[in-house]
């Protein structure tokens, strides 16, 4: 096991993608983004062959270069993914690594007047560009999406919103069942705001932007809830509403906006139910000791998928012994499973 990057049997092409949709976004974040496209071994040797594509999206606070982060005795996902194809463990696919970082730590892969149109950026800019520049099989039956945590959330909701583009998904510990994964933390967050910032999220934001991020205990939990609120409950003018008041109790009209984007509840709407039924493959997993209780969210999403009539043979559901972090070894399992089901 090398403590540095290993040679790949395939290759990763590193691009800088210029997004028209992200230009002038409300946070002033870069509209030129890194985009990595992995092509499997043999791609250059068969110029007439076309391949399925799997889009990989990151969790909250994730940005593209982090895919190369190493931990002792373990390999990062791009190397693990390459081994899947180098060893012939699955049919070859193109793997697209998408960046959706924001100054708030993430976008939840939704269009938001507070952060920018990250859903449309993925669907209407990145996907067509990849199809135009690589030999993909350019249709939804040969295109999947995969992610972990907030990336797992994006992997659940993007095919429901755009079943014309994506025909398969894999979610690893994705944000779901908001009543369980988000709501129990509201009283603690209300206390943090009260005791450190007089209950003002604006005072927190000013403080957060004025020091080295991560050096105060209030930094991550409060920027995280503000980031989620920016995705789920921002007004057209960019005003962001927290889903709880100064006592930690939910604000019903705001919380309802959050629940409208809960992957467990979305399938209650006929158009999203129909989208799920059209999926060729749905992978759902999570660790049984997930600190955010996203294993329970995975269970609830599995039931929602079953309730709308997705056939059992199109679904892989698994709970495994682990927490929320360090589960990169799960990603090549779902990648191989998707590759089998997306291949012609």
Protein backbone atom coordinates (compact mmCIF):
# COMPACT_ATOMS: atom_id res chain seq x y z
CA UNK A 1 0.00 0.00 0.00
CA UNK A 2 1.71 3.17 -1.21
CA UNK A 3 1.51 6.28 0.99
CA UNK A 4 1.51 8.35 -2.19
CA UNK A 5 -0.55 8.33 -5.37
CA UNK A 6 -0.50 5.11 -7.36
CA UNK A 7 -0.37 4.89 -11.15
CA UNK A 8 -3.77 4.38 -12.75
CA UNK A 9 -4.62 1.80 -15.38
CA UNK A 10 -7.07 4.33 -16.83
CA UNK A 11 -6.56 8.08 -16.63
CA UNK A 12 -8.09 11.19 -15.14
CA UNK A 13 -8.37 14.23 -17.40
CA UNK A 14 -8.40 17.41 -15.34
CA UNK A 15 -10.37 20.27 -16.83
CA UNK A 16 -11.31 23.77 -15.78
CA UNK A 17 -14.97 24.20 -16.62
CA UNK A 18 -16.34 27.71 -17.12
CA UNK A 19 -19.96 27.86 -15.98
CA UNK A 20 -22.24 30.53 -17.37
CA UNK A 21 -24.90 29.62 -14.83
CA UNK A 22 -22.60 30.14 -11.83
CA UNK A 23 -21.25 33.42 -13.14
CA UNK A 24 -22.30 36.22 -10.79
CA UNK A 25 -23.59 33.81 -8.13
CA UNK A 26 -24.78 35.42 -4.86
CA UNK A 27 -21.77 34.28 -2.81
CA UNK A 28 -19.19 35.45 -5.32
CA UNK A 29 -17.83 31.93 -5.62
CA UNK A 30 -15.71 31.01 -8.65
CA UNK A 31 -17.62 30.20 -11.81
CA UNK A 32 -14.59 28.39 -13.21
CA UNK A 33 -14.57 24.98 -11.56
CA UNK A 34 -12.34 21.92 -11.67
CA UNK A 35 -13.91 18.97 -13.45
CA UNK A 36 -12.25 15.56 -13.54
CA UNK A 37 -13.20 12.91 -16.08
CA UNK A 38 -11.88 9.39 -15.60
CA UNK A 39 -11.70 7.15 -18.66
CA UNK A 40 -11.21 3.40 -18.08
CA UNK A 41 -8.39 1.21 -19.38
CA UNK A 42 -8.70 0.66 -23.13
CA UNK A 43 -10.63 3.87 -23.79
CA UNK A 44 -8.03 5.13 -26.28
CA UNK A 45 -7.62 1.73 -27.96
CA UNK A 46 -11.23 1.40 -29.11
CA UNK A 47 -12.15 4.74 -30.72
CA UNK A 48 -15.61 3.54 -31.75
CA UNK A 49 -16.68 2.24 -28.36
CA UNK A 50 -19.05 4.23 -26.16
CA UNK A 51 -19.39 3.97 -22.39
CA UNK A 52 -21.93 4.54 -19.63
CA UNK A 53 -21.14 7.41 -17.27
CA UNK A 54 -21.39 7.71 -13.50
CA UNK A 55 -21.29 11.19 -11.96
CA UNK A 56 -19.74 11.36 -8.49
CA UNK A 57 -20.60 14.21 -6.12
CA UNK A 58 -19.15 15.09 -2.72
CA UNK A 59 -20.48 15.64 0.76
CA UNK A 60 -20.77 18.87 2.69
CA UNK A 61 -17.40 20.74 2.84
CA UNK A 62 -16.13 18.58 -0.02
CA UNK A 63 -14.25 20.05 -2.95
CA UNK A 64 -12.61 18.24 -5.84
CA UNK A 65 -8.90 18.05 -4.84
CA UNK A 66 -9.95 16.29 -1.62
CA UNK A 67 -10.49 13.13 -3.67
CA UNK A 68 -6.71 12.72 -3.57
CA UNK A 69 -6.49 12.86 0.22
CA UNK A 70 -4.75 9.83 1.66
CA UNK A 71 -5.23 8.22 5.04
CA UNK A 72 -2.75 5.66 6.41
CA UNK A 73 -3.03 2.16 4.92
CA UNK A 74 -5.94 3.17 2.71
CA UNK A 75 -6.39 4.37 -0.84
CA UNK A 76 -8.52 7.30 -2.04
CA UNK A 77 -11.60 6.57 -4.09
CA UNK A 78 -10.22 7.46 -7.57
CA UNK A 79 -7.59 4.74 -7.13
CA UNK A 80 -10.13 2.27 -5.78
CA UNK A 81 -12.44 3.05 -8.70
CA UNK A 82 -9.62 2.48 -11.19
CA UNK A 83 -8.92 -0.93 -9.66
CA UNK A 84 -12.53 -1.99 -10.27
CA UNK A 85 -11.95 -1.70 -14.00
CA UNK A 86 -8.28 -2.70 -14.09
CA UNK A 87 -9.21 -6.01 -12.44
CA UNK A 88 -12.19 -6.55 -14.71
CA UNK A 89 -14.61 -6.54 -11.77
CA UNK A 90 -17.22 -4.56 -13.72
CA UNK A 91 -17.87 -3.31 -17.25
CA UNK A 92 -15.92 -0.10 -17.93
CA UNK A 93 -17.58 3.25 -17.41
CA UNK A 94 -16.57 6.89 -17.54
CA UNK A 95 -16.51 8.46 -14.06
CA UNK A 96 -17.13 12.20 -13.77
CA UNK A 97 -16.05 14.04 -10.60
CA UNK A 98 -18.07 17.24 -10.15
CA UNK A 99 -17.21 20.22 -7.93
CA UNK A 100 -20.10 22.06 -6.23
CA UNK A 101 -18.28 23.76 -3.34
CA UNK A 102 -19.58 27.08 -2.03
CA UNK A 103 -18.34 29.59 0.53
CA UNK A 104 -20.92 28.06 2.88
CA UNK A 105 -19.40 24.60 2.49
CA UNK A 106 -21.79 23.14 -0.06
CA UNK A 107 -24.88 23.55 -2.20
CA UNK A 108 -26.92 20.36 -1.64
CA UNK A 109 -26.93 20.24 -5.48
CA UNK A 110 -30.03 22.43 -5.57
CA UNK A 111 -30.80 25.69 -7.32
CA UNK A 112 -30.95 28.39 -4.66
CA UNK A 113 -31.21 32.19 -4.81
CA UNK A 114 -28.83 32.31 -1.83
CA UNK A 115 -26.02 30.18 -3.28
CA UNK A 116 -26.52 29.70 -7.01
CA UNK A 117 -28.04 27.27 -9.54
CA UNK A 118 -25.97 24.21 -8.71
CA UNK A 119 -28.62 21.71 -9.79
CA UNK A 120 -28.86 23.34 -13.21
CA UNK A 121 -25.07 23.65 -13.41
CA UNK A 122 -24.76 19.89 -12.99
CA UNK A 123 -27.65 18.90 -15.23
CA UNK A 124 -27.66 21.55 -17.96
CA UNK A 125 -23.95 22.36 -18.24
CA UNK A 126 -21.76 19.54 -16.96
CA UNK A 127 -23.70 16.59 -18.39
CA UNK A 128 -24.01 18.02 -21.94
CA UNK A 129 -20.33 19.05 -21.92
CA UNK A 130 -19.17 15.57 -20.94
CA UNK A 131 -21.39 13.98 -23.59
CA UNK A 132 -19.97 16.34 -26.21
CA UNK A 133 -16.31 15.75 -25.30
CA UNK A 134 -16.25 12.06 -24.35
CA UNK A 135 -17.61 8.90 -25.94
CA UNK A 136 -20.48 8.38 -23.54
CA UNK A 137 -23.71 6.56 -24.20
CA UNK A 138 -25.62 9.85 -23.98
CA UNK A 139 -28.96 8.81 -22.53
CA UNK A 140 -30.47 8.36 -19.09
CA UNK A 141 -30.47 4.56 -19.25
CA UNK A 142 -26.67 4.64 -19.32
CA UNK A 143 -26.07 7.51 -16.89
CA UNK A 144 -25.95 7.27 -13.09
CA UNK A 145 -25.04 9.45 -10.12
CA UNK A 146 -23.39 8.56 -6.83
CA UNK A 147 -22.46 10.38 -3.64
CA UNK A 148 -22.00 10.24 0.12
CA UNK A 149 -23.63 12.36 2.84
CA UNK A 150 -24.76 15.60 1.16
CA UNK A 151 -23.52 13.99 -2.04
CA UNK A 152 -25.75 11.04 -1.25
CA UNK A 153 -28.58 13.52 -0.81
CA UNK A 154 -27.81 14.95 -4.24
CA UNK A 155 -27.71 11.45 -5.68
CA UNK A 156 -31.22 10.77 -4.35
CA UNK A 157 -32.93 13.98 -5.38
CA UNK A 158 -31.24 14.69 -8.74
CA UNK A 159 -32.74 11.66 -10.53
CA UNK A 160 -36.13 12.49 -9.05
CA UNK A 161 -35.86 16.03 -10.39
CA UNK A 162 -34.30 15.00 -13.71
CA UNK A 163 -35.24 11.42 -14.62
CA UNK A 164 -34.67 12.38 -18.25
CA UNK A 165 -30.94 12.59 -17.47
CA UNK A 166 -30.26 9.98 -14.79
CA UNK A 167 -31.47 6.40 -14.73
CA UNK A 168 -29.58 5.06 -11.72
CA UNK A 169 -28.29 6.24 -8.35
CA UNK A 170 -26.14 5.26 -5.40
CA UNK A 171 -26.48 6.98 -2.05
CA UNK A 172 -24.06 6.34 0.79
CA UNK A 173 -25.33 7.72 4.11
CA UNK A 174 -27.24 10.42 2.26
CA UNK A 175 -29.11 13.16 4.11
CA UNK A 176 -32.66 11.85 4.49
CA UNK A 177 -35.48 11.63 7.03
CA UNK A 178 -34.99 15.24 8.09
CA UNK A 179 -37.09 14.83 11.24
CA UNK A 180 -34.39 12.46 12.51
CA UNK A 181 -31.11 13.68 10.99
CA UNK A 182 -31.63 17.46 11.31
CA UNK A 183 -34.42 18.38 13.69
CA UNK A 184 -33.03 16.90 16.95
CA UNK A 185 -30.04 19.24 16.73
CA UNK A 186 -32.05 22.46 16.57
CA UNK A 187 -32.14 23.16 20.36
CA UNK A 188 -28.35 22.80 20.60
CA UNK A 189 -27.88 25.16 17.66
CA UNK A 190 -30.28 27.67 19.19
CA UNK A 191 -28.19 27.63 22.38
CA UNK A 192 -24.98 28.19 20.44
CA UNK A 193 -26.50 31.21 18.72
CA UNK A 194 -27.92 32.58 21.98
CA UNK A 195 -24.80 32.11 24.11
CA UNK A 196 -22.21 33.22 21.57
CA UNK A 197 -23.97 35.60 19.19
CA UNK A 198 -27.02 37.00 21.00
CA UNK A 199 -29.22 34.74 18.89
CA UNK A 200 -28.12 36.42 15.64
CA UNK A 201 -27.02 34.33 12.67
CA UNK A 202 -25.76 37.56 11.07
CA UNK A 203 -23.38 38.10 14.01
CA UNK A 204 -22.19 34.53 13.62
CA UNK A 205 -21.53 34.99 9.90
CA UNK A 206 -19.54 38.16 10.52
CA UNK A 207 -17.51 36.35 13.16
CA UNK A 208 -17.00 33.27 10.97
CA UNK A 209 -15.67 35.34 8.09
CA UNK A 210 -13.32 37.24 10.39
CA UNK A 211 -11.14 34.41 11.68
CA UNK A 212 -9.51 31.17 10.60
CA UNK A 213 -12.33 28.71 9.97
CA UNK A 214 -12.50 25.79 12.37
CA UNK A 215 -10.77 27.49 15.30
CA UNK A 216 -14.00 28.00 17.26
CA UNK A 217 -16.42 25.32 18.39
CA UNK A 218 -19.31 27.30 16.93
CA UNK A 219 -17.84 27.35 13.42
CA UNK A 220 -18.85 24.06 11.86
CA UNK A 221 -22.30 23.45 13.39
CA UNK A 222 -23.53 26.97 12.65
CA UNK A 223 -22.10 27.34 9.15
CA UNK A 224 -23.52 23.91 8.37
CA UNK A 225 -27.07 24.80 9.43
CA UNK A 226 -26.81 28.11 7.58
CA UNK A 227 -25.56 26.28 4.50
CA UNK A 228 -28.47 23.85 4.58
CA UNK A 229 -30.90 26.70 5.17
CA UNK A 230 -29.45 28.52 2.17
CA UNK A 231 -30.25 25.48 0.04
CA UNK A 232 -33.68 24.57 1.46
CA UNK A 233 -35.28 27.81 2.68
CA UNK A 234 -34.01 30.90 0.89
CA UNK A 235 -36.39 33.50 -0.54
CA UNK A 236 -36.19 34.73 -4.10
CA UNK A 237 -34.24 37.79 -2.93
CA UNK A 238 -31.62 35.56 -1.27
CA UNK A 239 -32.89 35.98 2.31
CA UNK A 240 -32.08 32.82 4.27
CA UNK A 241 -34.46 31.52 6.93
CA UNK A 242 -33.37 29.14 9.68
CA UNK A 243 -35.89 26.37 10.39
CA UNK A 244 -35.97 27.00 14.16
CA UNK A 245 -36.55 29.95 16.49
CA UNK A 246 -34.61 31.15 19.53
CA UNK A 247 -36.05 28.33 21.65
CA UNK A 248 -34.98 25.61 19.21
CA UNK A 249 -38.58 24.93 18.18
CA UNK A 250 -39.28 24.60 14.47
CA UNK A 251 -40.74 27.48 12.51
CA UNK A 252 -43.57 25.59 10.75
CA UNK A 253 -43.64 27.51 7.48
CA UNK A 254 -39.86 27.26 7.10
CA UNK A 255 -39.63 23.64 8.20
CA UNK A 256 -42.27 22.73 5.64
CA UNK A 257 -39.97 24.05 2.92
CA UNK A 258 -37.23 21.74 4.20
CA UNK A 259 -39.56 18.74 4.25
CA UNK A 260 -40.47 19.39 0.61
CA UNK A 261 -36.86 18.46 -0.21
CA UNK A 262 -36.62 15.44 2.08
CA UNK A 263 -35.86 12.43 -0.18
CA UNK A 264 -38.03 10.24 2.06
CA UNK A 265 -41.08 12.48 1.52
CA UNK A 266 -40.53 13.60 -2.07
CA UNK A 267 -41.80 10.28 -3.51
CA UNK A 268 -45.26 11.10 -2.15
CA UNK A 269 -45.60 13.42 -5.12
CA UNK A 270 -46.65 11.50 -8.24
CA UNK A 271 -43.94 12.92 -10.51
CA UNK A 272 -41.16 11.89 -8.13
CA UNK A 273 -42.70 8.47 -7.55
CA UNK A 274 -42.80 7.92 -11.30
CA UNK A 275 -39.20 9.05 -11.60
CA UNK A 276 -38.09 6.49 -8.99
CA UNK A 277 -40.02 3.71 -10.70
CA UNK A 278 -38.09 4.46 -13.88
CA UNK A 279 -34.70 3.89 -12.24
CA UNK A 280 -32.67 0.96 -13.53
CA UNK A 281 -30.69 0.74 -10.30
CA UNK A 282 -30.93 2.18 -6.78
CA UNK A 283 -28.11 1.53 -4.28
CA UNK A 284 -28.75 2.58 -0.66
CA UNK A 285 -26.35 1.99 2.20
CA UNK A 286 -25.13 3.49 5.48
CA UNK A 287 -23.20 2.60 8.60
CA UNK A 288 -25.16 1.29 11.59
CA UNK A 289 -23.32 3.71 13.88
CA UNK A 290 -23.77 6.80 11.71
CA UNK A 291 -23.45 9.82 14.00
CA UNK A 292 -26.19 11.68 12.15
CA UNK A 293 -28.55 8.67 12.18
CA UNK A 294 -28.43 8.48 8.41
CA UNK A 295 -28.72 4.71 8.64
CA UNK A 296 -32.28 5.39 9.74
CA UNK A 297 -32.66 7.75 6.81
CA UNK A 298 -31.40 4.98 4.53
CA UNK A 299 -33.99 2.59 5.95
CA UNK A 300 -36.73 5.17 5.43
CA UNK A 301 -35.64 5.89 1.85
CA UNK A 302 -35.59 2.16 1.10
CA UNK A 303 -39.19 1.93 2.34
CA UNK A 304 -40.18 4.96 0.28
CA UNK A 305 -38.65 3.38 -2.82
CA UNK A 306 -40.49 0.14 -2.14
CA UNK A 307 -43.76 1.95 -1.45
CA UNK A 308 -43.82 3.57 -4.89
CA UNK A 309 -43.25 0.27 -6.63
CA UNK A 310 -39.56 0.09 -7.47
CA UNK A 311 -38.85 -3.60 -8.03
CA UNK A 312 -36.66 -5.39 -5.51
CA UNK A 313 -34.22 -6.58 -8.16
CA UNK A 314 -33.45 -2.95 -9.03
CA UNK A 315 -32.50 -2.09 -5.43
CA UNK A 316 -29.47 -2.86 -3.30
CA UNK A 317 -29.97 -1.98 0.36
CA UNK A 318 -27.35 -2.63 3.00
CA UNK A 319 -26.45 -1.48 6.49
CA UNK A 320 -22.86 -2.17 7.53
CA UNK A 321 -20.89 -1.67 10.71
CA UNK A 322 -19.35 1.81 10.54
CA UNK A 323 -19.92 5.44 11.42
CA UNK A 324 -20.40 8.34 9.05
CA UNK A 325 -16.75 8.86 8.11
CA UNK A 326 -14.07 6.74 6.46
CA UNK A 327 -16.44 4.68 4.33
CA UNK A 328 -14.67 5.30 1.00
CA UNK A 329 -14.27 1.52 0.63
CA UNK A 330 -18.01 1.34 -0.01
CA UNK A 331 -17.93 3.59 -3.07
CA UNK A 332 -16.26 1.11 -5.49
CA UNK A 333 -18.86 -1.50 -4.51
CA UNK A 334 -21.72 0.70 -5.68
CA UNK A 335 -19.72 1.86 -8.71
CA UNK A 336 -19.28 -1.73 -9.88
CA UNK A 337 -22.96 -2.46 -9.23
CA UNK A 338 -24.07 0.60 -11.21
CA UNK A 339 -21.65 -0.23 -14.03
CA UNK A 340 -23.24 -3.67 -14.44
CA UNK A 341 -26.73 -2.20 -14.66
CA UNK A 342 -25.91 0.77 -16.87
CA UNK A 343 -23.95 -1.19 -19.44
CA UNK A 344 -25.69 -2.14 -22.70
